[in-house]
Amino acid sequence: MALKHWRIGLIIACLGAIGACGGLGNVQDSALNPPGTADPEAVSSMKNGNQAYADGRWAEAREHYEQAIRVQPELAEAHYNLALTLDQLGNETDADEHYTQAANLAPGHSVIWNSRKFRRYGDVTVDKKGGSVPSLPGLGGLGGSGSGGR
């Protein structure tokens, strides 16, 4: 009788572990809010995009984020949100370009630097006192300079 309960417990534990592992690849990142310094038109587009993103309306969110980028091309948060949306739409190649643009525009932004594109390198930390920018091993610099971010 005890052996039977042990087997049931083992089966339940295995199913729980399989379920937990299955969810690891589906990290659901949240869209970032625009910074207080953003252009009001870009802020409006981002807020509309964030609502569409939260509702799972990916194509609509993409349009809003692209509009925010047209208004303010240096808005890292808009590039990051567009990258998240492109990931949801299955367009990883274009998403990677926007993750990189966002990282280049916001060198100390830990959320952006720990995005899906860079997550495989582990948590990126930034030395804010020393003013150094993050360095990711093996990337050869985000802009392709070959400097390794140093």
N, C-alpha and C. Protein backbone atom coordinates (compact mmCIF):
# COMPACT_ATOMS: atom_id res chain seq x y z
N MET A 1 0.82 -1.19 0.00
CA MET A 1 0.00 0.00 0.00
C MET A 1 0.86 1.25 0.00
N ALA A 2 1.93 1.27 0.80
CA ALA A 2 2.81 2.44 0.87
C ALA A 2 3.50 2.66 -0.48
N LEU A 3 3.85 1.57 -1.15
CA LEU A 3 4.50 1.67 -2.45
C LEU A 3 3.57 2.33 -3.47
N LYS A 4 2.29 2.02 -3.41
CA LYS A 4 1.32 2.60 -4.33
C LYS A 4 1.24 4.12 -4.13
N HIS A 5 1.20 4.58 -2.88
CA HIS A 5 1.14 6.02 -2.60
C HIS A 5 2.42 6.72 -3.04
N TRP A 6 3.55 6.05 -2.89
CA TRP A 6 4.83 6.60 -3.31
C TRP A 6 4.84 6.84 -4.82
N ARG A 7 4.33 5.86 -5.56
CA ARG A 7 4.29 5.98 -7.03
C ARG A 7 3.38 7.12 -7.46
N ILE A 8 2.24 7.24 -6.82
CA ILE A 8 1.31 8.34 -7.15
C ILE A 8 1.97 9.68 -6.86
N GLY A 9 2.66 9.77 -5.73
CA GLY A 9 3.36 11.01 -5.39
C GLY A 9 4.44 11.34 -6.41
N LEU A 10 5.17 10.32 -6.86
CA LEU A 10 6.22 10.52 -7.86
C LEU A 10 5.62 10.99 -9.18
N ILE A 11 4.51 10.41 -9.58
CA ILE A 11 3.85 10.82 -10.82
C ILE A 11 3.39 12.27 -10.73
N ILE A 12 2.80 12.64 -9.62
CA ILE A 12 2.34 14.02 -9.44
C ILE A 12 3.52 14.98 -9.47
N ALA A 13 4.61 14.62 -8.81
CA ALA A 13 5.80 15.47 -8.79
C ALA A 13 6.37 15.65 -10.19
N CYS A 14 6.42 14.57 -10.96
CA CYS A 14 6.94 14.64 -12.33
C CYS A 14 6.06 15.52 -13.21
N LEU A 15 4.76 15.36 -13.09
CA LEU A 15 3.85 16.19 -13.89
C LEU A 15 3.99 17.66 -13.51
N GLY A 16 4.17 17.95 -12.24
CA GLY A 16 4.38 19.33 -11.81
C GLY A 16 5.66 19.90 -12.37
N ALA A 17 6.71 19.10 -12.37
CA ALA A 17 8.00 19.56 -12.91
C ALA A 17 7.91 19.79 -14.41
N ILE A 18 7.23 18.91 -15.11
CA ILE A 18 7.05 19.09 -16.56
C ILE A 18 6.26 20.37 -16.84
N GLY A 19 5.23 20.60 -16.08
CA GLY A 19 4.44 21.82 -16.27
C GLY A 19 5.24 23.06 -15.99
N ALA A 20 6.06 23.03 -14.96
CA ALA A 20 6.88 24.19 -14.62
C ALA A 20 7.92 24.45 -15.70
N CYS A 21 8.55 23.42 -16.21
CA CYS A 21 9.56 23.60 -17.25
C CYS A 21 8.94 24.07 -18.55
N GLY A 22 7.76 23.63 -18.84
CA GLY A 22 7.09 24.06 -20.07
C GLY A 22 6.83 25.54 -20.10
N GLY A 23 6.67 26.16 -18.95
CA GLY A 23 6.39 27.59 -18.91
C GLY A 23 7.63 28.46 -18.98
N LEU A 24 8.82 27.89 -18.86
CA LEU A 24 10.02 28.70 -18.85
C LEU A 24 10.27 29.41 -20.16
N GLY A 25 9.93 28.81 -21.25
CA GLY A 25 10.19 29.42 -22.54
C GLY A 25 9.18 30.48 -22.93
N ASN A 26 8.14 30.64 -22.17
CA ASN A 26 7.08 31.58 -22.51
C ASN A 26 7.06 32.76 -21.56
N VAL A 27 8.20 33.39 -21.37
CA VAL A 27 8.27 34.54 -20.48
C VAL A 27 7.45 35.66 -21.10
N GLN A 28 6.49 36.16 -20.35
CA GLN A 28 5.63 37.23 -20.83
C GLN A 28 6.15 38.55 -20.26
N ASP A 29 6.85 39.30 -21.09
CA ASP A 29 7.37 40.59 -20.65
C ASP A 29 6.28 41.64 -20.77
N SER A 30 6.34 42.62 -19.89
CA SER A 30 5.38 43.71 -19.91
C SER A 30 5.95 44.88 -20.70
N ALA A 31 5.07 45.58 -21.38
CA ALA A 31 5.48 46.77 -22.13
C ALA A 31 5.87 47.87 -21.15
N LEU A 32 6.87 48.64 -21.54
CA LEU A 32 7.35 49.74 -20.71
C LEU A 32 6.52 51.00 -20.96
N ASN A 33 6.37 51.80 -19.93
CA ASN A 33 5.73 53.11 -20.06
C ASN A 33 6.73 54.11 -20.63
N PRO A 34 6.25 55.14 -21.29
CA PRO A 34 7.17 56.15 -21.81
C PRO A 34 7.78 56.96 -20.67
N PRO A 35 9.00 57.45 -20.86
CA PRO A 35 9.61 58.29 -19.82
C PRO A 35 8.94 59.66 -19.79
N GLY A 36 9.10 60.37 -18.69
CA GLY A 36 8.50 61.69 -18.54
C GLY A 36 9.03 62.72 -19.52
N THR A 37 10.17 62.43 -20.12
CA THR A 37 10.78 63.38 -21.07
C THR A 37 10.33 63.15 -22.51
N ALA A 38 9.47 62.18 -22.73
CA ALA A 38 9.05 61.83 -24.10
C ALA A 38 8.13 62.90 -24.69
N ASP A 39 8.16 63.00 -25.99
CA ASP A 39 7.29 63.89 -26.75
C ASP A 39 5.83 63.50 -26.46
N PRO A 40 4.94 64.47 -26.25
CA PRO A 40 3.53 64.15 -25.92
C PRO A 40 2.84 63.26 -26.95
N GLU A 41 3.15 63.46 -28.23
CA GLU A 41 2.54 62.60 -29.26
C GLU A 41 3.06 61.17 -29.15
N ALA A 42 4.34 61.03 -28.86
CA ALA A 42 4.93 59.69 -28.67
C ALA A 42 4.34 59.03 -27.43
N VAL A 43 4.13 59.82 -26.38
CA VAL A 43 3.52 59.29 -25.15
C VAL A 43 2.14 58.75 -25.45
N SER A 44 1.34 59.50 -26.19
CA SER A 44 0.00 59.07 -26.54
C SER A 44 0.03 57.76 -27.34
N SER A 45 0.92 57.70 -28.32
CA SER A 45 1.04 56.48 -29.13
C SER A 45 1.47 55.29 -28.28
N MET A 46 2.41 55.53 -27.38
CA MET A 46 2.87 54.43 -26.52
C MET A 46 1.78 53.96 -25.58
N LYS A 47 1.03 54.89 -25.01
CA LYS A 47 -0.05 54.49 -24.11
C LYS A 47 -1.10 53.66 -24.85
N ASN A 48 -1.44 54.09 -26.06
CA ASN A 48 -2.38 53.31 -26.87
C ASN A 48 -1.79 51.95 -27.23
N GLY A 49 -0.51 51.93 -27.55
CA GLY A 49 0.16 50.67 -27.85
C GLY A 49 0.19 49.75 -26.65
N ASN A 50 0.45 50.31 -25.48
CA ASN A 50 0.50 49.50 -24.26
C ASN A 50 -0.86 48.88 -23.94
N GLN A 51 -1.93 49.63 -24.20
CA GLN A 51 -3.26 49.08 -23.96
C GLN A 51 -3.56 47.95 -24.95
N ALA A 52 -3.21 48.17 -26.22
CA ALA A 52 -3.41 47.12 -27.22
C ALA A 52 -2.55 45.90 -26.89
N TYR A 53 -1.31 46.12 -26.44
CA TYR A 53 -0.42 45.02 -26.07
C TYR A 53 -1.01 44.22 -24.91
N ALA A 54 -1.48 44.93 -23.90
CA ALA A 54 -2.07 44.27 -22.73
C ALA A 54 -3.30 43.45 -23.10
N ASP A 55 -4.02 43.90 -24.14
CA ASP A 55 -5.22 43.20 -24.59
C ASP A 55 -4.92 42.10 -25.61
N GLY A 56 -3.65 41.95 -25.98
CA GLY A 56 -3.27 40.92 -26.96
C GLY A 56 -3.57 41.30 -28.39
N ARG A 57 -3.78 42.58 -28.65
CA ARG A 57 -4.01 43.05 -30.02
C ARG A 57 -2.67 43.48 -30.61
N TRP A 58 -1.88 42.48 -31.03
CA TRP A 58 -0.49 42.69 -31.41
C TRP A 58 -0.33 43.61 -32.62
N ALA A 59 -1.12 43.41 -33.67
CA ALA A 59 -0.97 44.23 -34.88
C ALA A 59 -1.26 45.70 -34.57
N GLU A 60 -2.27 45.95 -33.76
CA GLU A 60 -2.60 47.32 -33.38
C GLU A 60 -1.49 47.92 -32.51
N ALA A 61 -0.97 47.15 -31.58
CA ALA A 61 0.13 47.62 -30.73
C ALA A 61 1.33 47.99 -31.59
N ARG A 62 1.62 47.15 -32.57
CA ARG A 62 2.76 47.41 -33.47
C ARG A 62 2.60 48.76 -34.15
N GLU A 63 1.41 49.05 -34.66
CA GLU A 63 1.17 50.33 -35.34
C GLU A 63 1.42 51.51 -34.41
N HIS A 64 0.96 51.41 -33.16
CA HIS A 64 1.15 52.50 -32.20
C HIS A 64 2.62 52.70 -31.87
N TYR A 65 3.36 51.62 -31.65
CA TYR A 65 4.78 51.74 -31.33
C TYR A 65 5.57 52.29 -32.51
N GLU A 66 5.22 51.86 -33.72
CA GLU A 66 5.89 52.39 -34.90
C GLU A 66 5.63 53.89 -35.05
N GLN A 67 4.41 54.32 -34.71
CA GLN A 67 4.09 55.75 -34.74
C GLN A 67 4.93 56.50 -33.71
N ALA A 68 5.05 55.96 -32.52
CA ALA A 68 5.86 56.60 -31.48
C ALA A 68 7.31 56.74 -31.93
N ILE A 69 7.83 55.73 -32.63
CA ILE A 69 9.21 55.78 -33.13
C ILE A 69 9.34 56.80 -34.25
N ARG A 70 8.32 56.94 -35.10
CA ARG A 70 8.37 57.97 -36.15
C ARG A 70 8.44 59.37 -35.52
N VAL A 71 7.69 59.56 -34.44
CA VAL A 71 7.66 60.85 -33.76
C VAL A 71 8.97 61.10 -33.01
N GLN A 72 9.48 60.08 -32.34
CA GLN A 72 10.68 60.22 -31.51
C GLN A 72 11.55 58.98 -31.68
N PRO A 73 12.39 58.96 -32.72
CA PRO A 73 13.19 57.77 -33.04
C PRO A 73 14.14 57.32 -31.94
N GLU A 74 14.53 58.21 -31.04
CA GLU A 74 15.48 57.86 -29.99
C GLU A 74 14.80 57.35 -28.71
N LEU A 75 13.52 57.05 -28.79
CA LEU A 75 12.76 56.60 -27.62
C LEU A 75 12.97 55.09 -27.42
N ALA A 76 13.89 54.76 -26.53
CA ALA A 76 14.28 53.36 -26.30
C ALA A 76 13.09 52.50 -25.91
N GLU A 77 12.22 53.03 -25.06
CA GLU A 77 11.07 52.26 -24.59
C GLU A 77 10.13 51.86 -25.73
N ALA A 78 9.99 52.73 -26.72
CA ALA A 78 9.15 52.40 -27.88
C ALA A 78 9.78 51.28 -28.70
N HIS A 79 11.10 51.32 -28.88
CA HIS A 79 11.79 50.24 -29.60
C HIS A 79 11.65 48.92 -28.85
N TYR A 80 11.81 48.98 -27.53
CA TYR A 80 11.68 47.77 -26.71
C TYR A 80 10.27 47.20 -26.82
N ASN A 81 9.25 48.06 -26.69
CA ASN A 81 7.87 47.59 -26.77
C ASN A 81 7.55 47.03 -28.16
N LEU A 82 8.09 47.67 -29.19
CA LEU A 82 7.90 47.15 -30.54
C LEU A 82 8.55 45.77 -30.66
N ALA A 83 9.73 45.61 -30.08
CA ALA A 83 10.40 44.30 -30.11
C ALA A 83 9.56 43.23 -29.42
N LEU A 84 8.99 43.56 -28.26
CA LEU A 84 8.11 42.61 -27.57
C LEU A 84 6.95 42.21 -28.47
N THR A 85 6.37 43.20 -29.12
CA THR A 85 5.21 42.96 -29.98
C THR A 85 5.59 42.11 -31.19
N LEU A 86 6.73 42.43 -31.79
CA LEU A 86 7.20 41.63 -32.94
C LEU A 86 7.46 40.19 -32.52
N ASP A 87 7.96 39.98 -31.30
CA ASP A 87 8.11 38.62 -30.78
C ASP A 87 6.76 37.92 -30.73
N GLN A 88 5.75 38.61 -30.25
CA GLN A 88 4.40 38.04 -30.17
C GLN A 88 3.87 37.69 -31.56
N LEU A 89 4.25 38.48 -32.55
CA LEU A 89 3.81 38.24 -33.92
C LEU A 89 4.67 37.20 -34.64
N GLY A 90 5.70 36.69 -33.95
CA GLY A 90 6.55 35.66 -34.53
C GLY A 90 7.65 36.19 -35.44
N ASN A 91 7.96 37.48 -35.34
CA ASN A 91 8.97 38.09 -36.20
C ASN A 91 10.23 38.36 -35.37
N GLU A 92 10.94 37.31 -35.04
CA GLU A 92 12.10 37.40 -34.15
C GLU A 92 13.24 38.22 -34.75
N THR A 93 13.44 38.15 -36.05
CA THR A 93 14.53 38.88 -36.69
C THR A 93 14.36 40.38 -36.53
N ASP A 94 13.17 40.91 -36.86
CA ASP A 94 12.92 42.33 -36.68
C ASP A 94 12.89 42.71 -35.20
N ALA A 95 12.38 41.82 -34.37
CA ALA A 95 12.37 42.07 -32.92
C ALA A 95 13.79 42.27 -32.41
N ASP A 96 14.70 41.41 -32.85
CA ASP A 96 16.09 41.52 -32.40
C ASP A 96 16.70 42.87 -32.77
N GLU A 97 16.36 43.38 -33.94
CA GLU A 97 16.87 44.70 -34.35
C GLU A 97 16.40 45.79 -33.39
N HIS A 98 15.15 45.71 -32.98
CA HIS A 98 14.61 46.73 -32.07
C HIS A 98 15.10 46.54 -30.64
N TYR A 99 15.34 45.30 -30.21
CA TYR A 99 15.96 45.09 -28.90
C TYR A 99 17.34 45.76 -28.90
N THR A 100 18.10 45.57 -29.97
CA THR A 100 19.43 46.15 -30.06
C THR A 100 19.37 47.67 -30.09
N GLN A 101 18.43 48.24 -30.87
CA GLN A 101 18.28 49.70 -30.90
C GLN A 101 17.93 50.22 -29.52
N ALA A 102 17.02 49.55 -28.83
CA ALA A 102 16.63 49.98 -27.48
C ALA A 102 17.82 49.93 -26.54
N ALA A 103 18.61 48.87 -26.60
CA ALA A 103 19.78 48.73 -25.72
C ALA A 103 20.81 49.81 -26.02
N ASN A 104 21.01 50.12 -27.28
CA ASN A 104 21.97 51.16 -27.64
C ASN A 104 21.50 52.54 -27.18
N LEU A 105 20.19 52.77 -27.19
CA LEU A 105 19.64 54.06 -26.78
C LEU A 105 19.55 54.20 -25.26
N ALA A 106 19.54 53.09 -24.54
CA ALA A 106 19.38 53.12 -23.08
C ALA A 106 20.40 52.19 -22.42
N PRO A 107 21.68 52.59 -22.41
CA PRO A 107 22.73 51.70 -21.92
C PRO A 107 22.60 51.28 -20.46
N GLY A 108 21.88 52.00 -19.64
CA GLY A 108 21.77 51.61 -18.24
C GLY A 108 20.41 51.07 -17.84
N HIS A 109 19.55 50.79 -18.81
CA HIS A 109 18.18 50.35 -18.53
C HIS A 109 18.15 48.84 -18.33
N SER A 110 18.02 48.41 -17.07
CA SER A 110 18.14 46.98 -16.77
C SER A 110 17.05 46.13 -17.40
N VAL A 111 15.83 46.65 -17.55
CA VAL A 111 14.76 45.87 -18.17
C VAL A 111 15.11 45.59 -19.63
N ILE A 112 15.52 46.63 -20.33
CA ILE A 112 15.87 46.48 -21.74
C ILE A 112 17.07 45.55 -21.89
N TRP A 113 18.07 45.73 -21.05
CA TRP A 113 19.29 44.93 -21.17
C TRP A 113 19.10 43.49 -20.71
N ASN A 114 18.01 43.19 -20.07
CA ASN A 114 17.70 41.81 -19.69
C ASN A 114 16.55 41.26 -20.53
N SER A 115 16.39 41.80 -21.72
CA SER A 115 15.34 41.34 -22.63
C SER A 115 15.66 39.96 -23.19
N ARG A 116 14.72 39.41 -23.92
CA ARG A 116 14.89 38.07 -24.48
C ARG A 116 16.18 37.95 -25.29
N LYS A 117 16.51 38.94 -26.05
CA LYS A 117 17.70 38.87 -26.91
C LYS A 117 18.98 38.73 -26.10
N PHE A 118 19.04 39.38 -24.95
CA PHE A 118 20.26 39.37 -24.16
C PHE A 118 20.18 38.47 -22.93
N ARG A 119 19.03 37.92 -22.64
CA ARG A 119 18.80 37.12 -21.43
C ARG A 119 19.74 35.92 -21.37
N ARG A 120 20.09 35.36 -22.52
CA ARG A 120 20.93 34.17 -22.53
C ARG A 120 22.33 34.44 -21.95
N TYR A 121 22.69 35.72 -21.82
CA TYR A 121 23.98 36.07 -21.26
C TYR A 121 23.91 36.25 -19.75
N GLY A 122 22.74 36.05 -19.15
CA GLY A 122 22.56 36.22 -17.72
C GLY A 122 22.14 37.64 -17.40
N ASP A 123 21.82 37.88 -16.16
CA ASP A 123 21.43 39.22 -15.76
C ASP A 123 22.56 40.19 -16.01
N VAL A 124 22.23 41.27 -16.67
CA VAL A 124 23.20 42.30 -16.97
C VAL A 124 23.14 43.34 -15.86
N THR A 125 24.28 43.65 -15.31
CA THR A 125 24.33 44.69 -14.28
C THR A 125 25.10 45.87 -14.82
N VAL A 126 24.75 47.03 -14.32
CA VAL A 126 25.38 48.26 -14.78
C VAL A 126 26.01 48.96 -13.58
N ASP A 127 27.27 49.35 -13.71
CA ASP A 127 27.95 50.09 -12.67
C ASP A 127 27.60 51.56 -12.83
N LYS A 128 26.55 51.98 -12.12
CA LYS A 128 26.06 53.35 -12.26
C LYS A 128 27.03 54.37 -11.66
N LYS A 129 27.79 53.99 -10.63
CA LYS A 129 28.74 54.93 -10.03
C LYS A 129 29.89 55.22 -10.99
N GLY A 130 30.38 54.18 -11.61
CA GLY A 130 31.52 54.34 -12.51
C GLY A 130 31.12 54.82 -13.88
N GLY A 131 29.84 54.82 -14.18
CA GLY A 131 29.36 55.29 -15.47
C GLY A 131 29.62 54.34 -16.62
N SER A 132 30.01 53.10 -16.31
CA SER A 132 30.29 52.18 -17.40
C SER A 132 28.99 51.61 -17.95
N VAL A 133 29.02 51.28 -19.23
CA VAL A 133 27.85 50.69 -19.86
C VAL A 133 27.96 49.18 -19.76
N PRO A 134 26.84 48.50 -19.88
CA PRO A 134 26.86 47.03 -19.78
C PRO A 134 27.73 46.42 -20.85
N SER A 135 28.31 45.30 -20.53
CA SER A 135 29.11 44.56 -21.49
C SER A 135 28.57 43.14 -21.54
N LEU A 136 28.27 42.69 -22.72
CA LEU A 136 27.75 41.34 -22.89
C LEU A 136 28.81 40.50 -23.59
N PRO A 137 29.22 39.41 -23.01
CA PRO A 137 30.26 38.57 -23.62
C PRO A 137 29.80 37.98 -24.93
N GLY A 138 30.70 37.95 -25.88
CA GLY A 138 30.43 37.27 -27.13
C GLY A 138 29.59 38.03 -28.13
N LEU A 139 29.21 39.26 -27.84
CA LEU A 139 28.40 40.01 -28.80
C LEU A 139 29.24 40.81 -29.76
N GLY A 140 30.48 41.09 -29.40
CA GLY A 140 31.31 41.90 -30.27
C GLY A 140 30.80 43.32 -30.32
N GLY A 141 30.18 43.78 -29.28
CA GLY A 141 29.59 45.12 -29.27
C GLY A 141 28.23 45.07 -29.92
N LEU A 142 27.30 45.82 -29.43
CA LEU A 142 25.95 45.78 -29.99
C LEU A 142 25.88 46.40 -31.36
N GLY A 143 26.74 47.35 -31.62
CA GLY A 143 26.70 48.01 -32.92
C GLY A 143 27.58 47.32 -33.94
N GLY A 144 28.15 46.18 -33.57
CA GLY A 144 28.99 45.43 -34.49
C GLY A 144 30.39 45.97 -34.57
N SER A 145 30.82 46.75 -33.57
CA SER A 145 32.14 47.37 -33.63
C SER A 145 33.25 46.40 -33.28
N GLY A 146 32.91 45.25 -32.70
CA GLY A 146 33.90 44.28 -32.33
C GLY A 146 34.61 44.63 -31.03
N SER A 147 34.14 45.62 -30.31
CA SER A 147 34.82 46.06 -29.09
C SER A 147 34.37 45.27 -27.88
N GLY A 148 33.34 44.44 -28.01
CA GLY A 148 32.87 43.67 -26.88
C GLY A 148 32.19 44.53 -25.83
N GLY A 149 31.81 45.76 -26.20
CA GLY A 149 31.12 46.65 -25.30
C GLY A 149 32.05 47.33 -24.32
N ARG A 150 33.37 47.27 -24.56
CA ARG A 150 34.33 47.84 -23.62
C ARG A 150 34.89 49.13 -24.13
